Amino acid sequence: MTHPFKGSDAALIHSLIADKKPQSILQIGTGCYELSKTVCDALSQEENIHFTLVASPSDTEVLERLSEEGLDNNLEVINLPADLVLPDLHFQHLTFDLAIINDDVFAESFVSFYYINKMLNKGDCIVIRGVQQAETQQLCRRILKTADYQVLQASTEKKSLPLLKRVIQNRYQALPAWIQAPVSTLINPALLEVDQLDILDGSVVVFEKITTLSETEVEENMDIDMDMDVDAMIKALS
């Protein structure tokens, strides 16, 4: 189920487009009308921007509303599953400045990220919706783990670390330096790290690519055999 789209989400996406001034945007899934309208509204203030929306063949409501309101001038709709479209876009050597992955296409989101990552350069961004959902957090953690990204923005205030982590980290930091080293070998390293997703409490998060990996490095990091089928790829990324 798609996560509700709030005013803070719209403000974040609108300001992101205004600041980054992307010339090409790729959106996976229609998500909701409010999201696509926000993107189209932001693009209406710019010129020569291409907006590609990969939508489900059965999802026409959002597209019809955008058309009725005349918001689809810069919009190219591809009514095919993302796992069929994205390899073709990549092999055409297309690049995008901004990508949006909706939480209503979670089944395709890992494969989507694999190809989107190949089509982004340093400084480009990925927007993920529905971050509060456990399934979507898996994708967010994969983005941070398998490629060189950082959390750029989130749609709400940051929250405190989970209590256990906070207590352990506070006590660890209070130890003398000469004791910290041996103690660190006895504690799960994950409890000593500040996970960027632990402190996010938003329904939308923006990841910025901070380096450009070669295709070989991407495949090594993601441990993917490009000859495997899509189902096997999803299993490998899970």
C-alpha atoms as a PDB file:
ATOM      1  CA  MET A   1       0.000   0.000   0.000  1.00  0.00           C
ATOM      2  CA  THR A   2       1.303   3.434  -0.913  1.00  0.00           C
ATOM      3  CA  HIS A   3       2.289   5.642   1.996  1.00  0.00           C
ATOM      4  CA  PRO A   4       0.262   8.870   2.351  1.00  0.00           C
ATOM      5  CA  PHE A   5       1.799  11.863   0.600  1.00  0.00           C
ATOM      6  CA  LYS A   6       2.059  14.848   2.944  1.00  0.00           C
ATOM      7  CA  GLY A   7       2.654  18.539   2.538  1.00  0.00           C
ATOM      8  CA  SER A   8       6.182  18.129   3.879  1.00  0.00           C
ATOM      9  CA  ASP A   9       6.835  15.497   1.186  1.00  0.00           C
ATOM     10  CA  ALA A  10       5.670  17.859  -1.538  1.00  0.00           C
ATOM     11  CA  ALA A  11       7.763  20.723  -0.158  1.00  0.00           C
ATOM     12  CA  LEU A  12      10.869  18.529  -0.049  1.00  0.00           C
ATOM     13  CA  ILE A  13      10.497  17.328  -3.649  1.00  0.00           C
ATOM     14  CA  HIS A  14       9.622  20.785  -4.950  1.00  0.00           C
ATOM     15  CA  SER A  15      12.659  22.361  -3.257  1.00  0.00           C
ATOM     16  CA  LEU A  16      14.912  19.494  -4.396  1.00  0.00           C
ATOM     17  CA  ILE A  17      13.981  20.107  -8.032  1.00  0.00           C
ATOM     18  CA  ALA A  18      14.389  23.858  -7.598  1.00  0.00           C
ATOM     19  CA  ASP A  19      17.838  23.429  -6.031  1.00  0.00           C
ATOM     20  CA  LYS A  20      19.226  20.633  -8.205  1.00  0.00           C
ATOM     21  CA  LYS A  21      17.574  21.797 -11.460  1.00  0.00           C
ATOM     22  CA  PRO A  22      17.552  18.319 -13.026  1.00  0.00           C
ATOM     23  CA  GLN A  23      17.246  18.135 -16.795  1.00  0.00           C
ATOM     24  CA  SER A  24      15.971  14.553 -16.829  1.00  0.00           C
ATOM     25  CA  ILE A  25      13.818  12.814 -14.209  1.00  0.00           C
ATOM     26  CA  LEU A  26      12.910   9.142 -13.998  1.00  0.00           C
ATOM     27  CA  GLN A  27       9.987   8.035 -11.817  1.00  0.00           C
ATOM     28  CA  ILE A  28       9.226   4.371 -11.118  1.00  0.00           C
ATOM     29  CA  GLY A  29       5.559   3.813 -10.292  1.00  0.00           C
ATOM     30  CA  THR A  30       2.790   6.376 -10.324  1.00  0.00           C
ATOM     31  CA  GLY A  31       2.659   6.312  -6.530  1.00  0.00           C
ATOM     32  CA  CYS A  32      -0.099   8.845  -6.103  1.00  0.00           C
ATOM     33  CA  TYR A  33      -1.505  11.824  -7.953  1.00  0.00           C
ATOM     34  CA  GLU A  34      -0.097  14.327  -5.436  1.00  0.00           C
ATOM     35  CA  LEU A  35       3.468  13.147  -5.993  1.00  0.00           C
ATOM     36  CA  SER A  36       3.341  13.280  -9.790  1.00  0.00           C
ATOM     37  CA  LYS A  37       1.538  16.632  -9.656  1.00  0.00           C
ATOM     38  CA  THR A  38       4.286  18.028  -7.407  1.00  0.00           C
ATOM     39  CA  VAL A  39       6.963  16.951  -9.891  1.00  0.00           C
ATOM     40  CA  CYS A  40       5.015  18.337 -12.855  1.00  0.00           C
ATOM     41  CA  ASP A  41       4.330  21.627 -11.040  1.00  0.00           C
ATOM     42  CA  ALA A  42       8.025  22.031 -10.242  1.00  0.00           C
ATOM     43  CA  LEU A  43       8.989  21.239 -13.822  1.00  0.00           C
ATOM     44  CA  SER A  44       6.499  23.759 -15.212  1.00  0.00           C
ATOM     45  CA  GLN A  45       8.764  26.509 -13.872  1.00  0.00           C
ATOM     46  CA  GLU A  46      11.749  25.199 -15.816  1.00  0.00           C
ATOM     47  CA  GLU A  47      12.427  24.638 -19.518  1.00  0.00           C
ATOM     48  CA  ASN A  48      13.597  21.662 -21.578  1.00  0.00           C
ATOM     49  CA  ILE A  49      13.226  19.108 -18.790  1.00  0.00           C
ATOM     50  CA  HIS A  50      12.323  15.527 -19.649  1.00  0.00           C
ATOM     51  CA  PHE A  51      10.178  13.544 -17.191  1.00  0.00           C
ATOM     52  CA  THR A  52       9.941   9.784 -17.786  1.00  0.00           C
ATOM     53  CA  LEU A  53       7.303   7.903 -15.806  1.00  0.00           C
ATOM     54  CA  VAL A  54       7.414   4.105 -15.798  1.00  0.00           C
ATOM     55  CA  ALA A  55       3.851   3.160 -14.879  1.00  0.00           C
ATOM     56  CA  SER A  56       1.870  -0.023 -14.494  1.00  0.00           C
ATOM     57  CA  PRO A  57      -0.252  -0.771 -17.576  1.00  0.00           C
ATOM     58  CA  SER A  58      -3.300  -1.032 -15.276  1.00  0.00           C
ATOM     59  CA  ASP A  59      -2.704   2.275 -13.474  1.00  0.00           C
ATOM     60  CA  THR A  60      -4.384   5.039 -15.482  1.00  0.00           C
ATOM     61  CA  GLU A  61      -6.108   7.211 -12.873  1.00  0.00           C
ATOM     62  CA  VAL A  62      -3.081   9.361 -12.053  1.00  0.00           C
ATOM     63  CA  LEU A  63      -2.175   9.767 -15.704  1.00  0.00           C
ATOM     64  CA  GLU A  64      -5.722  10.764 -16.648  1.00  0.00           C
ATOM     65  CA  ARG A  65      -5.842  13.436 -13.934  1.00  0.00           C
ATOM     66  CA  LEU A  66      -2.487  14.869 -14.989  1.00  0.00           C
ATOM     67  CA  SER A  67      -3.700  15.005 -18.579  1.00  0.00           C
ATOM     68  CA  GLU A  68      -6.980  16.643 -17.625  1.00  0.00           C
ATOM     69  CA  GLU A  69      -5.115  19.404 -15.801  1.00  0.00           C
ATOM     70  CA  GLY A  70      -2.608  19.889 -18.615  1.00  0.00           C
ATOM     71  CA  LEU A  71       0.338  18.860 -16.452  1.00  0.00           C
ATOM     72  CA  ASP A  72       1.721  16.192 -18.739  1.00  0.00           C
ATOM     73  CA  ASN A  73       3.454  18.391 -21.312  1.00  0.00           C
ATOM     74  CA  ASN A  74       6.949  17.279 -20.283  1.00  0.00           C
ATOM     75  CA  LEU A  75       5.857  13.761 -19.402  1.00  0.00           C
ATOM     76  CA  GLU A  76       6.758  10.573 -21.266  1.00  0.00           C
ATOM     77  CA  VAL A  77       4.814   7.574 -19.984  1.00  0.00           C
ATOM     78  CA  ILE A  78       6.078   4.019 -20.449  1.00  0.00           C
ATOM     79  CA  ASN A  79       3.387   1.480 -19.577  1.00  0.00           C
ATOM     80  CA  LEU A  80       5.613  -1.499 -18.900  1.00  0.00           C
ATOM     81  CA  PRO A  81       7.081  -3.076 -15.751  1.00  0.00           C
ATOM     82  CA  ALA A  82      10.277  -1.391 -14.586  1.00  0.00           C
ATOM     83  CA  ASP A  83      12.320  -4.584 -14.767  1.00  0.00           C
ATOM     84  CA  LEU A  84      11.647  -4.657 -18.518  1.00  0.00           C
ATOM     85  CA  VAL A  85      12.090  -0.937 -19.184  1.00  0.00           C
ATOM     86  CA  LEU A  86      15.207  -0.049 -17.206  1.00  0.00           C
ATOM     87  CA  PRO A  87      17.651  -2.473 -18.845  1.00  0.00           C
ATOM     88  CA  ASP A  88      16.623  -1.034 -22.221  1.00  0.00           C
ATOM     89  CA  LEU A  89      17.095   2.561 -21.019  1.00  0.00           C
ATOM     90  CA  HIS A  90      20.530   1.656 -19.673  1.00  0.00           C
ATOM     91  CA  PHE A  91      21.603  -0.062 -22.871  1.00  0.00           C
ATOM     92  CA  GLN A  92      20.567   3.080 -24.745  1.00  0.00           C
ATOM     93  CA  HIS A  93      23.181   4.893 -22.600  1.00  0.00           C
ATOM     94  CA  LEU A  94      20.551   7.230 -21.140  1.00  0.00           C
ATOM     95  CA  THR A  95      21.332   9.130 -17.959  1.00  0.00           C
ATOM     96  CA  PHE A  96      19.104  10.874 -15.418  1.00  0.00           C
ATOM     97  CA  ASP A  97      19.741  13.597 -12.851  1.00  0.00           C
ATOM     98  CA  LEU A  98      16.963  12.563 -10.478  1.00  0.00           C
ATOM     99  CA  ALA A  99      15.153   9.268  -9.920  1.00  0.00           C
ATOM    100  CA  ILE A 100      12.052   8.600  -7.812  1.00  0.00           C
ATOM    101  CA  ILE A 101      11.131   5.100  -6.639  1.00  0.00           C
ATOM    102  CA  ASN A 102       7.637   4.706  -5.209  1.00  0.00           C
ATOM    103  CA  ASP A 103       6.771   2.207  -2.505  1.00  0.00           C
ATOM    104  CA  ASP A 104       3.957   0.729  -4.612  1.00  0.00           C
ATOM    105  CA  VAL A 105       6.560  -0.990  -6.824  1.00  0.00           C
ATOM    106  CA  PHE A 106       8.579  -2.659  -4.070  1.00  0.00           C
ATOM    107  CA  ALA A 107       8.689  -5.983  -5.947  1.00  0.00           C
ATOM    108  CA  GLU A 108      10.683  -4.233  -8.701  1.00  0.00           C
ATOM    109  CA  SER A 109      12.556  -1.727  -6.565  1.00  0.00           C
ATOM    110  CA  PHE A 110      15.808  -3.663  -6.060  1.00  0.00           C
ATOM    111  CA  VAL A 111      16.220  -4.271  -9.767  1.00  0.00           C
ATOM    112  CA  SER A 112      15.183  -0.648 -10.375  1.00  0.00           C
ATOM    113  CA  PHE A 113      17.953   0.605  -8.123  1.00  0.00           C
ATOM    114  CA  TYR A 114      20.525  -1.613  -9.812  1.00  0.00           C
ATOM    115  CA  TYR A 115      19.897  -0.017 -13.198  1.00  0.00           C
ATOM    116  CA  ILE A 116      19.155   3.480 -11.915  1.00  0.00           C
ATOM    117  CA  ASN A 117      22.512   3.481 -10.141  1.00  0.00           C
ATOM    118  CA  LYS A 118      24.179   2.895 -13.502  1.00  0.00           C
ATOM    119  CA  MET A 119      22.353   5.878 -15.005  1.00  0.00           C
ATOM    120  CA  LEU A 120      23.212   8.410 -12.285  1.00  0.00           C
ATOM    121  CA  ASN A 121      26.402  10.400 -11.844  1.00  0.00           C
ATOM    122  CA  LYS A 122      28.026  12.063  -8.880  1.00  0.00           C
ATOM    123  CA  GLY A 123      25.723  14.685  -7.362  1.00  0.00           C
ATOM    124  CA  ASP A 124      22.549  13.092  -8.755  1.00  0.00           C
ATOM    125  CA  CYS A 125      19.767  11.966  -6.424  1.00  0.00           C
ATOM    126  CA  ILE A 126      17.344   9.146  -5.728  1.00  0.00           C
ATOM    127  CA  VAL A 127      14.066   9.834  -3.893  1.00  0.00           C
ATOM    128  CA  ILE A 128      12.536   6.888  -2.025  1.00  0.00           C
ATOM    129  CA  ARG A 129       8.944   6.993  -0.804  1.00  0.00           C
ATOM    130  CA  GLY A 130       7.422   5.116   2.137  1.00  0.00           C
ATOM    131  CA  VAL A 131      10.601   4.924   4.188  1.00  0.00           C
ATOM    132  CA  GLN A 132       8.665   4.063   7.345  1.00  0.00           C
ATOM    133  CA  GLN A 133       7.661   0.729   5.839  1.00  0.00           C
ATOM    134  CA  ALA A 134       9.931  -2.184   6.742  1.00  0.00           C
ATOM    135  CA  GLU A 135      10.169  -3.410   3.144  1.00  0.00           C
ATOM    136  CA  THR A 136      11.241  -0.006   1.857  1.00  0.00           C
ATOM    137  CA  GLN A 137      13.858   0.310   4.584  1.00  0.00           C
ATOM    138  CA  GLN A 138      15.486  -2.805   3.138  1.00  0.00           C
ATOM    139  CA  LEU A 139      15.944  -0.935  -0.118  1.00  0.00           C
ATOM    140  CA  CYS A 140      17.284   2.157   1.677  1.00  0.00           C
ATOM    141  CA  ARG A 141      19.847   0.100   3.541  1.00  0.00           C
ATOM    142  CA  ARG A 142      20.848  -1.565   0.292  1.00  0.00           C
ATOM    143  CA  ILE A 143      21.408   1.837  -1.297  1.00  0.00           C
ATOM    144  CA  LEU A 144      23.703   2.896   1.534  1.00  0.00           C
ATOM    145  CA  LYS A 145      25.518  -0.451   1.558  1.00  0.00           C
ATOM    146  CA  THR A 146      26.044  -1.255  -2.104  1.00  0.00           C
ATOM    147  CA  ALA A 147      26.890   2.105  -3.638  1.00  0.00           C
ATOM    148  CA  ASP A 148      28.390   5.353  -2.538  1.00  0.00           C
ATOM    149  CA  TYR A 149      25.385   7.369  -1.404  1.00  0.00           C
ATOM    150  CA  GLN A 150      24.584   9.618   1.514  1.00  0.00           C
ATOM    151  CA  VAL A 151      21.279  10.740   2.996  1.00  0.00           C
ATOM    152  CA  LEU A 152      20.769  14.263   1.702  1.00  0.00           C
ATOM    153  CA  GLN A 153      17.311  15.107   3.031  1.00  0.00           C
ATOM    154  CA  ALA A 154      14.257  13.609   4.701  1.00  0.00           C
ATOM    155  CA  SER A 155      10.742  14.961   4.794  1.00  0.00           C
ATOM    156  CA  THR A 156      10.447  15.231   8.587  1.00  0.00           C
ATOM    157  CA  GLU A 157      12.548  15.905  11.643  1.00  0.00           C
ATOM    158  CA  LYS A 158      15.245  13.469  12.637  1.00  0.00           C
ATOM    159  CA  LYS A 159      14.458  11.262  15.610  1.00  0.00           C
ATOM    160  CA  SER A 160      16.604  10.007  18.458  1.00  0.00           C
ATOM    161  CA  LEU A 161      18.581   6.811  18.160  1.00  0.00           C
ATOM    162  CA  PRO A 162      16.879   3.667  19.516  1.00  0.00           C
ATOM    163  CA  LEU A 163      17.268   3.494  23.313  1.00  0.00           C
ATOM    164  CA  LEU A 164      19.608   0.473  23.326  1.00  0.00           C
ATOM    165  CA  LYS A 165      21.978   2.050  20.831  1.00  0.00           C
ATOM    166  CA  ARG A 166      21.887   5.375  22.644  1.00  0.00           C
ATOM    167  CA  VAL A 167      22.730   3.821  26.028  1.00  0.00           C
ATOM    168  CA  ILE A 168      25.535   1.623  24.641  1.00  0.00           C
ATOM    169  CA  GLN A 169      27.089   4.431  22.598  1.00  0.00           C
ATOM    170  CA  ASN A 170      26.952   6.912  25.502  1.00  0.00           C
ATOM    171  CA  ARG A 171      28.635   4.444  27.854  1.00  0.00           C
ATOM    172  CA  TYR A 172      31.193   3.461  25.218  1.00  0.00           C
ATOM    173  CA  GLN A 173      32.124   7.082  24.533  1.00  0.00           C
ATOM    174  CA  ALA A 174      32.573   7.658  28.290  1.00  0.00           C
ATOM    175  CA  LEU A 175      35.257   4.947  28.498  1.00  0.00           C
ATOM    176  CA  PRO A 176      38.948   5.916  28.428  1.00  0.00           C
ATOM    177  CA  ALA A 177      40.458   5.603  24.964  1.00  0.00           C
ATOM    178  CA  TRP A 178      42.738   2.740  25.989  1.00  0.00           C
ATOM    179  CA  ILE A 179      39.710   0.688  27.092  1.00  0.00           C
ATOM    180  CA  GLN A 180      37.547   1.463  24.052  1.00  0.00           C
ATOM    181  CA  ALA A 181      39.652  -0.633  21.664  1.00  0.00           C
ATOM    182  CA  PRO A 182      39.379  -3.977  23.533  1.00  0.00           C
ATOM    183  CA  VAL A 183      35.741  -3.327  24.461  1.00  0.00           C
ATOM    184  CA  SER A 184      34.823  -2.660  20.816  1.00  0.00           C
ATOM    185  CA  THR A 185      35.822  -6.230  19.933  1.00  0.00           C
ATOM    186  CA  LEU A 186      33.189  -7.550  22.358  1.00  0.00           C
ATOM    187  CA  ILE A 187      30.274  -5.443  21.088  1.00  0.00           C
ATOM    188  CA  ASN A 188      28.317  -5.884  17.902  1.00  0.00           C
ATOM    189  CA  PRO A 189      29.794  -3.177  15.593  1.00  0.00           C
ATOM    190  CA  ALA A 190      26.279  -2.252  14.451  1.00  0.00           C
ATOM    191  CA  LEU A 191      25.522  -1.007  17.968  1.00  0.00           C
ATOM    192  CA  LEU A 192      28.461   1.401  17.871  1.00  0.00           C
ATOM    193  CA  GLU A 193      27.645   2.818  14.453  1.00  0.00           C
ATOM    194  CA  VAL A 194      25.194   5.642  13.829  1.00  0.00           C
ATOM    195  CA  ASP A 195      23.043   4.183  11.080  1.00  0.00           C
ATOM    196  CA  GLN A 196      21.778   7.012   8.872  1.00  0.00           C
ATOM    197  CA  LEU A 197      18.388   5.311   8.654  1.00  0.00           C
ATOM    198  CA  ASP A 198      18.071   4.906  12.426  1.00  0.00           C
ATOM    199  CA  ILE A 199      17.654   8.648  12.792  1.00  0.00           C
ATOM    200  CA  LEU A 200      15.216   9.166   9.931  1.00  0.00           C
ATOM    201  CA  ASP A 201      11.540   9.508  10.719  1.00  0.00           C
ATOM    202  CA  GLY A 202      10.274  10.669   7.333  1.00  0.00           C
ATOM    203  CA  SER A 203       8.074   9.126   4.690  1.00  0.00           C
ATOM    204  CA  VAL A 204      10.385  10.432   1.937  1.00  0.00           C
ATOM    205  CA  VAL A 205      14.169  10.328   1.899  1.00  0.00           C
ATOM    206  CA  VAL A 206      16.625  11.692  -0.668  1.00  0.00           C
ATOM    207  CA  PHE A 207      19.930   9.934  -1.339  1.00  0.00           C
ATOM    208  CA  GLU A 208      22.707  11.816  -3.101  1.00  0.00           C
ATOM    209  CA  LYS A 209      25.338   9.955  -5.075  1.00  0.00           C
ATOM    210  CA  ILE A 210      28.723  11.085  -3.811  1.00  0.00           C
ATOM    211  CA  THR A 211      30.913   9.204  -6.252  1.00  0.00           C
ATOM    212  CA  THR A 212      30.585   7.486  -9.607  1.00  0.00           C
ATOM    213  CA  LEU A 213      31.373   3.776  -9.507  1.00  0.00           C
ATOM    214  CA  SER A 214      32.447   1.881 -12.574  1.00  0.00           C
ATOM    215  CA  GLU A 215      30.098  -0.848 -13.797  1.00  0.00           C
ATOM    216  CA  THR A 216      32.564  -3.467 -12.578  1.00  0.00           C
ATOM    217  CA  GLU A 217      32.601  -1.967  -9.082  1.00  0.00           C
ATOM    218  CA  VAL A 218      28.809  -1.778  -8.967  1.00  0.00           C
ATOM    219  CA  GLU A 219      28.453  -5.421  -9.945  1.00  0.00           C
ATOM    220  CA  GLU A 220      31.108  -6.478  -7.438  1.00  0.00           C
ATOM    221  CA  ASN A 221      29.459  -4.500  -4.626  1.00  0.00           C
ATOM    222  CA  MET A 222      26.011  -5.834  -5.404  1.00  0.00           C
ATOM    223  CA  ASP A 223      27.280  -9.387  -6.006  1.00  0.00           C
ATOM    224  CA  ILE A 224      25.177  -9.814  -9.151  1.00  0.00           C
ATOM    225  CA  ASP A 225      25.661 -12.130 -12.089  1.00  0.00           C
ATOM    226  CA  MET A 226      24.168 -10.221 -15.016  1.00  0.00           C
ATOM    227  CA  ASP A 227      23.278 -13.510 -16.731  1.00  0.00           C
ATOM    228  CA  MET A 228      20.863 -14.481 -13.972  1.00  0.00           C
ATOM    229  CA  ASP A 229      17.140 -13.966 -14.453  1.00  0.00           C
ATOM    230  CA  VAL A 230      15.189 -11.185 -12.726  1.00  0.00           C
ATOM    231  CA  ASP A 231      13.752 -13.417  -9.966  1.00  0.00           C
ATOM    232  CA  ALA A 232      17.249 -14.617  -9.098  1.00  0.00           C
ATOM    233  CA  MET A 233      18.507 -11.024  -9.122  1.00  0.00           C
ATOM    234  CA  ILE A 234      15.846  -9.937  -6.638  1.00  0.00           C
ATOM    235  CA  LYS A 235      16.719 -12.893  -4.404  1.00  0.00           C
ATOM    236  CA  ALA A 236      20.403 -11.941  -4.519  1.00  0.00           C
ATOM    237  CA  LEU A 237      19.608  -8.385  -3.502  1.00  0.00           C
ATOM    238  CA  SER A 238      17.275  -9.291  -0.641  1.00  0.00           C
END
